[in-house]
Amino acid sequence: MTYREALNLGERILAERDIADAKTDAWLLLSAACRMERSFYYLHMEEEVPQDEFDEYEIALKKRAEHVPLQYIVGETEFMGLKFKVNSSVLIPRQDTETLVEEALKVVQPGMKVLDLCTGSGCIIISILHSVPGVDGCATDISKQALNVARENAKLNDVQVMFEQSDLFDRVAGVYDVIVSNPPYIASAEILKLMPEVQLFEPQEALDGKEDGLFFYREIASGAKDYLTSGGRLLLEIGYDQGAAVSSLLADAGFTEVRVIRDLARNDRVVSAVWQ
């Protein structure tokens, strides 16, 4: 089978299984299996695909047709212009979360200490430290498997982070100038309504925000003040409809300068607050 025929086959298989970006995904899977760029494809599209590469492509196509996320199949994704390894132990970094990093970069300066709660793949803290040299970064997650991925990503992107297995603040020591977090924030009942790629394959403990989706925000609001310097900032990613609720939680806990930041789609995405 030629490269062109293989690509057409992949597009057809994925479209038949209602994969939204069938053409894009078929190309990405073929290019990953054959380790090729577009330029190679256009020069060699009528040539035969080596059998071992085609076999790898077929396996990848089967997984994607079953709605396994593309990023888990290829084993990596891009976030803030950096490469991150991902597997089913961590949430796939999303562009929405770049809003959180961008807000952090407005306040983080060399010499500061930054804590990342629920770090997952480590994409938030690693992106911050990669952009601002001289920052002391610590990141926690309840999942040992997630921390293993985060450590790989820190090494991949050449940054030094202290990782600690911890349920939020349980094993955190010291105080920080900035605390960032993208905690689980989907209400338990809503998880069943998510697209199959998320509902069936991404880690549930990184999605489930308990009954109303606000459990972890309550915990962070009540605990963060003990780990922030005076004037320290708390930055939290939120669901598109949680801006008012999370803002109220932080104001009630004694935080000031509480405000909601929107993402590129104009949805509420980050709540920023200061501890005096």
C-alpha atoms as a PDB file:
ATOM      1  CA  MET A   1       0.000   0.000   0.000  1.00  0.00           C
ATOM      2  CA  THR A   2       1.316   3.452  -0.887  1.00  0.00           C
ATOM      3  CA  TYR A   3       1.602   6.350   1.535  1.00  0.00           C
ATOM      4  CA  ARG A   4      -1.301   8.083  -0.215  1.00  0.00           C
ATOM      5  CA  GLU A   5      -3.485   4.984  -0.030  1.00  0.00           C
ATOM      6  CA  ALA A   6      -2.592   4.488   3.630  1.00  0.00           C
ATOM      7  CA  LEU A   7      -3.578   8.058   4.441  1.00  0.00           C
ATOM      8  CA  ASN A   8      -6.885   7.715   2.587  1.00  0.00           C
ATOM      9  CA  LEU A   9      -7.569   4.443   4.384  1.00  0.00           C
ATOM     10  CA  GLY A  10      -6.978   6.086   7.760  1.00  0.00           C
ATOM     11  CA  GLU A  11      -9.223   9.030   6.960  1.00  0.00           C
ATOM     12  CA  ARG A  12     -12.027   6.678   5.906  1.00  0.00           C
ATOM     13  CA  ILE A  13     -11.733   4.418   8.958  1.00  0.00           C
ATOM     14  CA  LEU A  14     -11.725   7.320  11.417  1.00  0.00           C
ATOM     15  CA  ALA A  15     -14.572   9.153   9.685  1.00  0.00           C
ATOM     16  CA  GLU A  16     -16.698   6.010   9.840  1.00  0.00           C
ATOM     17  CA  ARG A  17     -16.122   5.918  13.614  1.00  0.00           C
ATOM     18  CA  ASP A  18     -17.178   9.547  14.042  1.00  0.00           C
ATOM     19  CA  ILE A  19     -13.737  10.876  14.880  1.00  0.00           C
ATOM     20  CA  ALA A  20     -14.182  14.639  14.587  1.00  0.00           C
ATOM     21  CA  ASP A  21     -10.798  15.447  13.034  1.00  0.00           C
ATOM     22  CA  ALA A  22     -10.440  12.297  10.976  1.00  0.00           C
ATOM     23  CA  LYS A  23      -8.220  13.810   8.261  1.00  0.00           C
ATOM     24  CA  THR A  24      -5.872  15.517  10.701  1.00  0.00           C
ATOM     25  CA  ASP A  25      -5.659  12.518  13.005  1.00  0.00           C
ATOM     26  CA  ALA A  26      -5.006  10.078  10.158  1.00  0.00           C
ATOM     27  CA  TRP A  27      -2.109  12.220   8.992  1.00  0.00           C
ATOM     28  CA  LEU A  28      -0.637  12.588  12.477  1.00  0.00           C
ATOM     29  CA  LEU A  29      -0.816   8.845  13.077  1.00  0.00           C
ATOM     30  CA  LEU A  30       0.743   8.053   9.705  1.00  0.00           C
ATOM     31  CA  SER A  31       3.504  10.622  10.149  1.00  0.00           C
ATOM     32  CA  ALA A  32       4.259   9.269  13.627  1.00  0.00           C
ATOM     33  CA  ALA A  33       4.363   5.653  12.472  1.00  0.00           C
ATOM     34  CA  CYS A  34       6.551   6.486   9.472  1.00  0.00           C
ATOM     35  CA  ARG A  35       8.611   9.199  11.203  1.00  0.00           C
ATOM     36  CA  MET A  36       8.026  11.558   8.288  1.00  0.00           C
ATOM     37  CA  GLU A  37       7.281  15.197   7.606  1.00  0.00           C
ATOM     38  CA  ARG A  38       4.847  16.557   5.013  1.00  0.00           C
ATOM     39  CA  SER A  39       7.683  17.255   2.607  1.00  0.00           C
ATOM     40  CA  PHE A  40       8.694  13.568   2.612  1.00  0.00           C
ATOM     41  CA  TYR A  41       5.093  12.511   2.081  1.00  0.00           C
ATOM     42  CA  TYR A  42       4.590  14.693  -0.985  1.00  0.00           C
ATOM     43  CA  LEU A  43       7.825  13.458  -2.545  1.00  0.00           C
ATOM     44  CA  HIS A  44       7.130   9.770  -1.849  1.00  0.00           C
ATOM     45  CA  MET A  45       3.319   9.490  -1.643  1.00  0.00           C
ATOM     46  CA  GLU A  46       3.102   6.911  -4.454  1.00  0.00           C
ATOM     47  CA  GLU A  47       5.776   4.677  -2.924  1.00  0.00           C
ATOM     48  CA  GLU A  48       5.034   1.634  -0.777  1.00  0.00           C
ATOM     49  CA  VAL A  49       4.901   2.015   2.992  1.00  0.00           C
ATOM     50  CA  PRO A  50       7.398  -0.359   4.663  1.00  0.00           C
ATOM     51  CA  GLN A  51       5.466  -3.218   6.249  1.00  0.00           C
ATOM     52  CA  ASP A  52       6.663  -2.619   9.803  1.00  0.00           C
ATOM     53  CA  GLU A  53       5.625   1.029   9.613  1.00  0.00           C
ATOM     54  CA  PHE A  54       2.245   0.125   8.122  1.00  0.00           C
ATOM     55  CA  ASP A  55       1.678  -2.417  10.908  1.00  0.00           C
ATOM     56  CA  GLU A  56       2.390   0.285  13.500  1.00  0.00           C
ATOM     57  CA  TYR A  57       0.006   2.635  11.679  1.00  0.00           C
ATOM     58  CA  GLU A  58      -2.760   0.028  11.643  1.00  0.00           C
ATOM     59  CA  ILE A  59      -2.449  -0.520  15.401  1.00  0.00           C
ATOM     60  CA  ALA A  60      -2.605   3.219  16.003  1.00  0.00           C
ATOM     61  CA  LEU A  61      -5.634   3.584  13.721  1.00  0.00           C
ATOM     62  CA  LYS A  62      -7.472   0.854  15.598  1.00  0.00           C
ATOM     63  CA  LYS A  63      -6.860   2.606  18.912  1.00  0.00           C
ATOM     64  CA  ARG A  64      -7.983   5.975  17.577  1.00  0.00           C
ATOM     65  CA  ALA A  65     -11.095   4.397  16.058  1.00  0.00           C
ATOM     66  CA  GLU A  66     -11.925   3.233  19.589  1.00  0.00           C
ATOM     67  CA  HIS A  67     -11.650   6.896  20.681  1.00  0.00           C
ATOM     68  CA  VAL A  68      -8.344   6.539  22.494  1.00  0.00           C
ATOM     69  CA  PRO A  69      -7.032  10.130  22.517  1.00  0.00           C
ATOM     70  CA  LEU A  70      -4.539  10.873  19.774  1.00  0.00           C
ATOM     71  CA  GLN A  71      -2.048  12.297  22.282  1.00  0.00           C
ATOM     72  CA  TYR A  72      -1.974   9.051  24.268  1.00  0.00           C
ATOM     73  CA  ILE A  73      -1.347   7.070  21.096  1.00  0.00           C
ATOM     74  CA  VAL A  74       1.592   9.173  19.924  1.00  0.00           C
ATOM     75  CA  GLY A  75       2.737   9.672  23.525  1.00  0.00           C
ATOM     76  CA  GLU A  76       3.234  13.426  23.469  1.00  0.00           C
ATOM     77  CA  THR A  77       1.608  16.801  22.960  1.00  0.00           C
ATOM     78  CA  GLU A  78       2.545  20.473  22.751  1.00  0.00           C
ATOM     79  CA  PHE A  79       1.801  23.097  25.401  1.00  0.00           C
ATOM     80  CA  MET A  80       3.126  26.673  25.559  1.00  0.00           C
ATOM     81  CA  GLY A  81       5.432  25.786  22.661  1.00  0.00           C
ATOM     82  CA  LEU A  82       7.049  22.927  24.612  1.00  0.00           C
ATOM     83  CA  LYS A  83       6.827  19.161  24.162  1.00  0.00           C
ATOM     84  CA  PHE A  84       5.294  17.072  26.934  1.00  0.00           C
ATOM     85  CA  LYS A  85       5.067  13.332  27.279  1.00  0.00           C
ATOM     86  CA  VAL A  86       1.584  12.083  28.171  1.00  0.00           C
ATOM     87  CA  ASN A  87      -0.084   8.795  28.971  1.00  0.00           C
ATOM     88  CA  SER A  88      -3.314   7.678  30.608  1.00  0.00           C
ATOM     89  CA  SER A  89      -1.974   8.614  34.065  1.00  0.00           C
ATOM     90  CA  VAL A  90      -2.302  12.338  33.313  1.00  0.00           C
ATOM     91  CA  LEU A  91      -4.767  14.731  31.752  1.00  0.00           C
ATOM     92  CA  ILE A  92      -3.826  15.880  28.274  1.00  0.00           C
ATOM     93  CA  PRO A  93      -2.659  19.524  28.492  1.00  0.00           C
ATOM     94  CA  ARG A  94      -5.111  21.822  26.746  1.00  0.00           C
ATOM     95  CA  GLN A  95      -4.833  25.262  25.219  1.00  0.00           C
ATOM     96  CA  ASP A  96      -7.339  26.589  27.769  1.00  0.00           C
ATOM     97  CA  THR A  97      -4.772  25.972  30.492  1.00  0.00           C
ATOM     98  CA  GLU A  98      -2.260  28.208  28.731  1.00  0.00           C
ATOM     99  CA  THR A  99      -4.382  31.093  30.058  1.00  0.00           C
ATOM    100  CA  LEU A 100      -3.385  30.074  33.588  1.00  0.00           C
ATOM    101  CA  VAL A 101       0.311  29.980  32.689  1.00  0.00           C
ATOM    102  CA  GLU A 102       0.100  33.338  30.911  1.00  0.00           C
ATOM    103  CA  GLU A 103      -1.461  34.943  33.994  1.00  0.00           C
ATOM    104  CA  ALA A 104       1.231  33.424  36.203  1.00  0.00           C
ATOM    105  CA  LEU A 105       3.959  34.787  33.936  1.00  0.00           C
ATOM    106  CA  LYS A 106       2.630  38.306  34.541  1.00  0.00           C
ATOM    107  CA  VAL A 107       3.547  38.075  38.231  1.00  0.00           C
ATOM    108  CA  VAL A 108       6.278  35.434  38.600  1.00  0.00           C
ATOM    109  CA  GLN A 109       9.784  36.893  38.830  1.00  0.00           C
ATOM    110  CA  PRO A 110      13.263  35.419  39.346  1.00  0.00           C
ATOM    111  CA  GLY A 111      13.867  34.504  42.974  1.00  0.00           C
ATOM    112  CA  MET A 112      10.221  33.697  43.696  1.00  0.00           C
ATOM    113  CA  LYS A 113       8.883  30.379  44.979  1.00  0.00           C
ATOM    114  CA  VAL A 114       5.983  28.824  43.053  1.00  0.00           C
ATOM    115  CA  LEU A 115       3.801  25.890  44.099  1.00  0.00           C
ATOM    116  CA  ASP A 116       1.723  23.889  41.604  1.00  0.00           C
ATOM    117  CA  LEU A 117      -1.047  21.762  43.113  1.00  0.00           C
ATOM    118  CA  CYS A 118      -2.507  18.803  41.150  1.00  0.00           C
ATOM    119  CA  THR A 119       0.381  19.064  38.699  1.00  0.00           C
ATOM    120  CA  GLY A 120      -0.483  16.077  36.500  1.00  0.00           C
ATOM    121  CA  SER A 121       1.896  16.127  33.526  1.00  0.00           C
ATOM    122  CA  GLY A 122       3.730  19.064  35.102  1.00  0.00           C
ATOM    123  CA  CYS A 123       2.922  21.294  32.133  1.00  0.00           C
ATOM    124  CA  ILE A 124       2.016  24.357  34.233  1.00  0.00           C
ATOM    125  CA  ILE A 125       5.006  24.527  36.574  1.00  0.00           C
ATOM    126  CA  ILE A 126       7.454  23.415  33.882  1.00  0.00           C
ATOM    127  CA  SER A 127       6.212  26.088  31.470  1.00  0.00           C
ATOM    128  CA  ILE A 128       6.563  28.758  34.160  1.00  0.00           C
ATOM    129  CA  LEU A 129      10.091  27.717  35.122  1.00  0.00           C
ATOM    130  CA  HIS A 130      11.127  27.391  31.489  1.00  0.00           C
ATOM    131  CA  SER A 131      10.013  30.979  30.862  1.00  0.00           C
ATOM    132  CA  VAL A 132      11.369  32.550  34.070  1.00  0.00           C
ATOM    133  CA  PRO A 133      14.855  31.410  35.115  1.00  0.00           C
ATOM    134  CA  GLY A 134      15.747  31.492  38.782  1.00  0.00           C
ATOM    135  CA  VAL A 135      12.352  30.440  40.121  1.00  0.00           C
ATOM    136  CA  ASP A 136      12.132  27.826  42.874  1.00  0.00           C
ATOM    137  CA  GLY A 137       9.364  25.455  41.801  1.00  0.00           C
ATOM    138  CA  CYS A 138       7.527  22.773  43.765  1.00  0.00           C
ATOM    139  CA  ALA A 139       4.708  20.596  42.414  1.00  0.00           C
ATOM    140  CA  THR A 140       2.417  18.062  44.049  1.00  0.00           C
ATOM    141  CA  ASP A 141      -0.023  15.421  42.925  1.00  0.00           C
ATOM    142  CA  ILE A 142      -1.830  12.610  44.709  1.00  0.00           C
ATOM    143  CA  SER A 143      -0.906  10.219  41.893  1.00  0.00           C
ATOM    144  CA  LYS A 144       2.509   8.576  41.934  1.00  0.00           C
ATOM    145  CA  GLN A 145       2.077   7.643  38.268  1.00  0.00           C
ATOM    146  CA  ALA A 146       1.338  11.247  37.310  1.00  0.00           C
ATOM    147  CA  LEU A 147       4.441  12.432  39.147  1.00  0.00           C
ATOM    148  CA  ASN A 148       6.563   9.942  37.218  1.00  0.00           C
ATOM    149  CA  VAL A 149       5.332  11.545  33.988  1.00  0.00           C
ATOM    150  CA  ALA A 150       5.915  15.046  35.365  1.00  0.00           C
ATOM    151  CA  ARG A 151       9.498  14.177  36.307  1.00  0.00           C
ATOM    152  CA  GLU A 152      10.134  12.943  32.765  1.00  0.00           C
ATOM    153  CA  ASN A 153       8.755  16.188  31.391  1.00  0.00           C
ATOM    154  CA  ALA A 154      10.901  18.326  33.677  1.00  0.00           C
ATOM    155  CA  LYS A 155      13.967  16.478  32.419  1.00  0.00           C
ATOM    156  CA  LEU A 156      12.770  16.720  28.810  1.00  0.00           C
ATOM    157  CA  ASN A 157      12.409  20.499  29.120  1.00  0.00           C
ATOM    158  CA  ASP A 158      15.552  20.982  31.208  1.00  0.00           C
ATOM    159  CA  VAL A 159      14.008  22.519  34.326  1.00  0.00           C
ATOM    160  CA  GLN A 160      14.468  21.673  37.995  1.00  0.00           C
ATOM    161  CA  VAL A 161      11.253  21.044  39.969  1.00  0.00           C
ATOM    162  CA  MET A 162      10.803  19.488  43.393  1.00  0.00           C
ATOM    163  CA  PHE A 163       7.963  16.970  43.062  1.00  0.00           C
ATOM    164  CA  GLU A 164       6.082  15.659  46.089  1.00  0.00           C
ATOM    165  CA  GLN A 165       3.304  13.084  46.306  1.00  0.00           C
ATOM    166  CA  SER A 166       0.648  14.878  48.332  1.00  0.00           C
ATOM    167  CA  ASP A 167      -3.095  15.285  48.652  1.00  0.00           C
ATOM    168  CA  LEU A 168      -3.192  19.055  48.079  1.00  0.00           C
ATOM    169  CA  PHE A 169      -1.284  20.643  51.015  1.00  0.00           C
ATOM    170  CA  ASP A 170      -0.816  17.497  53.139  1.00  0.00           C
ATOM    171  CA  ARG A 171       2.932  17.214  52.515  1.00  0.00           C
ATOM    172  CA  VAL A 172       3.689  20.791  51.493  1.00  0.00           C
ATOM    173  CA  ALA A 173       6.250  22.718  53.539  1.00  0.00           C
ATOM    174  CA  GLY A 174       7.202  26.378  53.524  1.00  0.00           C
ATOM    175  CA  VAL A 175       5.527  29.412  51.999  1.00  0.00           C
ATOM    176  CA  TYR A 176       5.271  30.513  48.378  1.00  0.00           C
ATOM    177  CA  ASP A 177       4.934  33.733  46.448  1.00  0.00           C
ATOM    178  CA  VAL A 178       2.549  32.182  43.919  1.00  0.00           C
ATOM    179  CA  ILE A 179       0.319  29.097  44.045  1.00  0.00           C
ATOM    180  CA  VAL A 180      -1.155  27.787  40.797  1.00  0.00           C
ATOM    181  CA  SER A 181      -3.534  24.896  40.280  1.00  0.00           C
ATOM    182  CA  ASN A 182      -5.725  23.229  37.698  1.00  0.00           C
ATOM    183  CA  PRO A 183      -7.659  20.982  40.110  1.00  0.00           C
ATOM    184  CA  PRO A 184     -10.422  18.500  39.251  1.00  0.00           C
ATOM    185  CA  TYR A 185     -13.504  20.660  38.673  1.00  0.00           C
ATOM    186  CA  ILE A 186     -16.120  18.644  36.787  1.00  0.00           C
ATOM    187  CA  ALA A 187     -19.204  17.717  38.813  1.00  0.00           C
ATOM    188  CA  SER A 188     -19.383  13.932  39.232  1.00  0.00           C
ATOM    189  CA  ALA A 189     -22.670  13.558  37.343  1.00  0.00           C
ATOM    190  CA  GLU A 190     -21.337  15.585  34.415  1.00  0.00           C
ATOM    191  CA  ILE A 191     -18.444  13.206  33.740  1.00  0.00           C
ATOM    192  CA  LEU A 192     -20.833  10.728  32.117  1.00  0.00           C
ATOM    193  CA  LYS A 193     -21.762  13.416  29.577  1.00  0.00           C
ATOM    194  CA  LEU A 194     -18.215  14.077  28.418  1.00  0.00           C
ATOM    195  CA  MET A 195     -16.912  12.989  25.022  1.00  0.00           C
ATOM    196  CA  PRO A 196     -15.667   9.359  24.973  1.00  0.00           C
ATOM    197  CA  GLU A 197     -12.012  10.392  24.684  1.00  0.00           C
ATOM    198  CA  VAL A 198     -12.251  12.147  28.048  1.00  0.00           C
ATOM    199  CA  GLN A 199     -14.833  10.033  29.863  1.00  0.00           C
ATOM    200  CA  LEU A 200     -13.316   6.651  29.024  1.00  0.00           C
ATOM    201  CA  PHE A 201      -9.594   7.300  28.863  1.00  0.00           C
ATOM    202  CA  GLU A 202      -8.436  10.316  30.889  1.00  0.00           C
ATOM    203  CA  PRO A 203      -7.835   9.728  34.633  1.00  0.00           C
ATOM    204  CA  GLN A 204     -11.069  10.138  36.596  1.00  0.00           C
ATOM    205  CA  GLU A 205      -9.341  11.391  39.731  1.00  0.00           C
ATOM    206  CA  ALA A 206      -8.007  14.332  37.718  1.00  0.00           C
ATOM    207  CA  LEU A 207     -11.505  15.200  36.455  1.00  0.00           C
ATOM    208  CA  ASP A 208     -13.909  14.598  39.336  1.00  0.00           C
ATOM    209  CA  GLY A 209     -14.591  17.701  41.417  1.00  0.00           C
ATOM    210  CA  LYS A 210     -17.141  15.825  43.527  1.00  0.00           C
ATOM    211  CA  GLU A 211     -20.878  16.568  43.689  1.00  0.00           C
ATOM    212  CA  ASP A 212     -20.880  20.201  42.562  1.00  0.00           C
ATOM    213  CA  GLY A 213     -17.396  20.426  41.043  1.00  0.00           C
ATOM    214  CA  LEU A 214     -16.220  22.844  43.733  1.00  0.00           C
ATOM    215  CA  PHE A 215     -14.756  20.465  46.324  1.00  0.00           C
ATOM    216  CA  PHE A 216     -11.101  21.194  45.565  1.00  0.00           C
ATOM    217  CA  TYR A 217     -11.652  24.933  45.349  1.00  0.00           C
ATOM    218  CA  ARG A 218     -13.068  24.882  48.880  1.00  0.00           C
ATOM    219  CA  GLU A 219     -10.051  22.926  50.088  1.00  0.00           C
ATOM    220  CA  ILE A 220      -7.592  25.232  48.366  1.00  0.00           C
ATOM    221  CA  ALA A 221      -9.390  28.390  49.500  1.00  0.00           C
ATOM    222  CA  SER A 222      -9.230  27.292  53.124  1.00  0.00           C
ATOM    223  CA  GLY A 223      -5.674  25.963  53.023  1.00  0.00           C
ATOM    224  CA  ALA A 224      -3.736  28.258  50.703  1.00  0.00           C
ATOM    225  CA  LYS A 225      -3.465  31.138  53.167  1.00  0.00           C
ATOM    226  CA  ASP A 226      -1.102  29.045  55.317  1.00  0.00           C
ATOM    227  CA  TYR A 227       1.281  28.575  52.381  1.00  0.00           C
ATOM    228  CA  LEU A 228       1.302  32.033  50.788  1.00  0.00           C
ATOM    229  CA  THR A 229       3.512  34.966  51.656  1.00  0.00           C
ATOM    230  CA  SER A 230       1.832  38.260  52.501  1.00  0.00           C
ATOM    231  CA  GLY A 231       0.797  39.639  49.136  1.00  0.00           C
ATOM    232  CA  GLY A 232       1.139  36.199  47.590  1.00  0.00           C
ATOM    233  CA  ARG A 233      -1.050  35.314  44.650  1.00  0.00           C
ATOM    234  CA  LEU A 234      -3.333  32.344  44.045  1.00  0.00           C
ATOM    235  CA  LEU A 235      -4.214  31.431  40.449  1.00  0.00           C
ATOM    236  CA  LEU A 236      -6.798  28.730  39.734  1.00  0.00           C
ATOM    237  CA  GLU A 237      -8.096  27.308  36.488  1.00  0.00           C
ATOM    238  CA  ILE A 238     -11.891  26.974  36.546  1.00  0.00           C
ATOM    239  CA  GLY A 239     -14.742  25.642  34.443  1.00  0.00           C
ATOM    240  CA  TYR A 240     -16.472  28.121  32.130  1.00  0.00           C
ATOM    241  CA  ASP A 241     -19.435  28.485  34.521  1.00  0.00           C
ATOM    242  CA  GLN A 242     -17.563  28.567  37.844  1.00  0.00           C
ATOM    243  CA  GLY A 243     -16.198  32.115  37.950  1.00  0.00           C
ATOM    244  CA  ALA A 244     -18.729  33.567  40.361  1.00  0.00           C
ATOM    245  CA  ALA A 245     -18.755  30.553  42.689  1.00  0.00           C
ATOM    246  CA  VAL A 246     -14.966  30.287  43.002  1.00  0.00           C
ATOM    247  CA  SER A 247     -14.606  34.049  43.385  1.00  0.00           C
ATOM    248  CA  SER A 248     -17.055  33.962  46.285  1.00  0.00           C
ATOM    249  CA  LEU A 249     -15.192  31.109  47.948  1.00  0.00           C
ATOM    250  CA  LEU A 250     -11.931  33.039  47.824  1.00  0.00           C
ATOM    251  CA  ALA A 251     -13.462  36.314  49.002  1.00  0.00           C
ATOM    252  CA  ASP A 252     -15.152  34.530  51.900  1.00  0.00           C
ATOM    253  CA  ALA A 253     -11.782  32.975  52.834  1.00  0.00           C
ATOM    254  CA  GLY A 254     -10.205  36.421  53.131  1.00  0.00           C
ATOM    255  CA  PHE A 255      -8.542  36.827  49.736  1.00  0.00           C
ATOM    256  CA  THR A 256      -8.552  40.228  48.052  1.00  0.00           C
ATOM    257  CA  GLU A 257      -8.222  41.528  44.487  1.00  0.00           C
ATOM    258  CA  VAL A 258     -10.327  38.593  43.322  1.00  0.00           C
ATOM    259  CA  ARG A 259     -10.931  38.673  39.590  1.00  0.00           C
ATOM    260  CA  VAL A 260     -11.868  36.340  36.745  1.00  0.00           C
ATOM    261  CA  ILE A 261      -9.814  36.073  33.541  1.00  0.00           C
ATOM    262  CA  ARG A 262     -11.257  34.806  30.282  1.00  0.00           C
ATOM    263  CA  ASP A 263      -9.565  32.515  27.768  1.00  0.00           C
ATOM    264  CA  LEU A 264      -9.272  33.071  24.008  1.00  0.00           C
ATOM    265  CA  ALA A 265     -12.798  31.738  23.489  1.00  0.00           C
ATOM    266  CA  ARG A 266     -14.056  34.421  25.919  1.00  0.00           C
ATOM    267  CA  ASN A 267     -15.001  31.839  28.538  1.00  0.00           C
ATOM    268  CA  ASP A 268     -14.195  32.350  32.225  1.00  0.00           C
ATOM    269  CA  ARG A 269     -11.023  30.307  32.749  1.00  0.00           C
ATOM    270  CA  VAL A 270      -8.870  31.583  35.637  1.00  0.00           C
ATOM    271  CA  VAL A 271      -9.548  33.162  39.018  1.00  0.00           C
ATOM    272  CA  SER A 272      -6.775  35.319  40.465  1.00  0.00           C
ATOM    273  CA  ALA A 273      -6.647  36.421  44.099  1.00  0.00           C
ATOM    274  CA  VAL A 274      -4.174  37.908  46.575  1.00  0.00           C
ATOM    275  CA  TRP A 275      -3.538  36.949  50.194  1.00  0.00           C
ATOM    276  CA  GLN A 276      -2.755  39.996  52.377  1.00  0.00           C
END
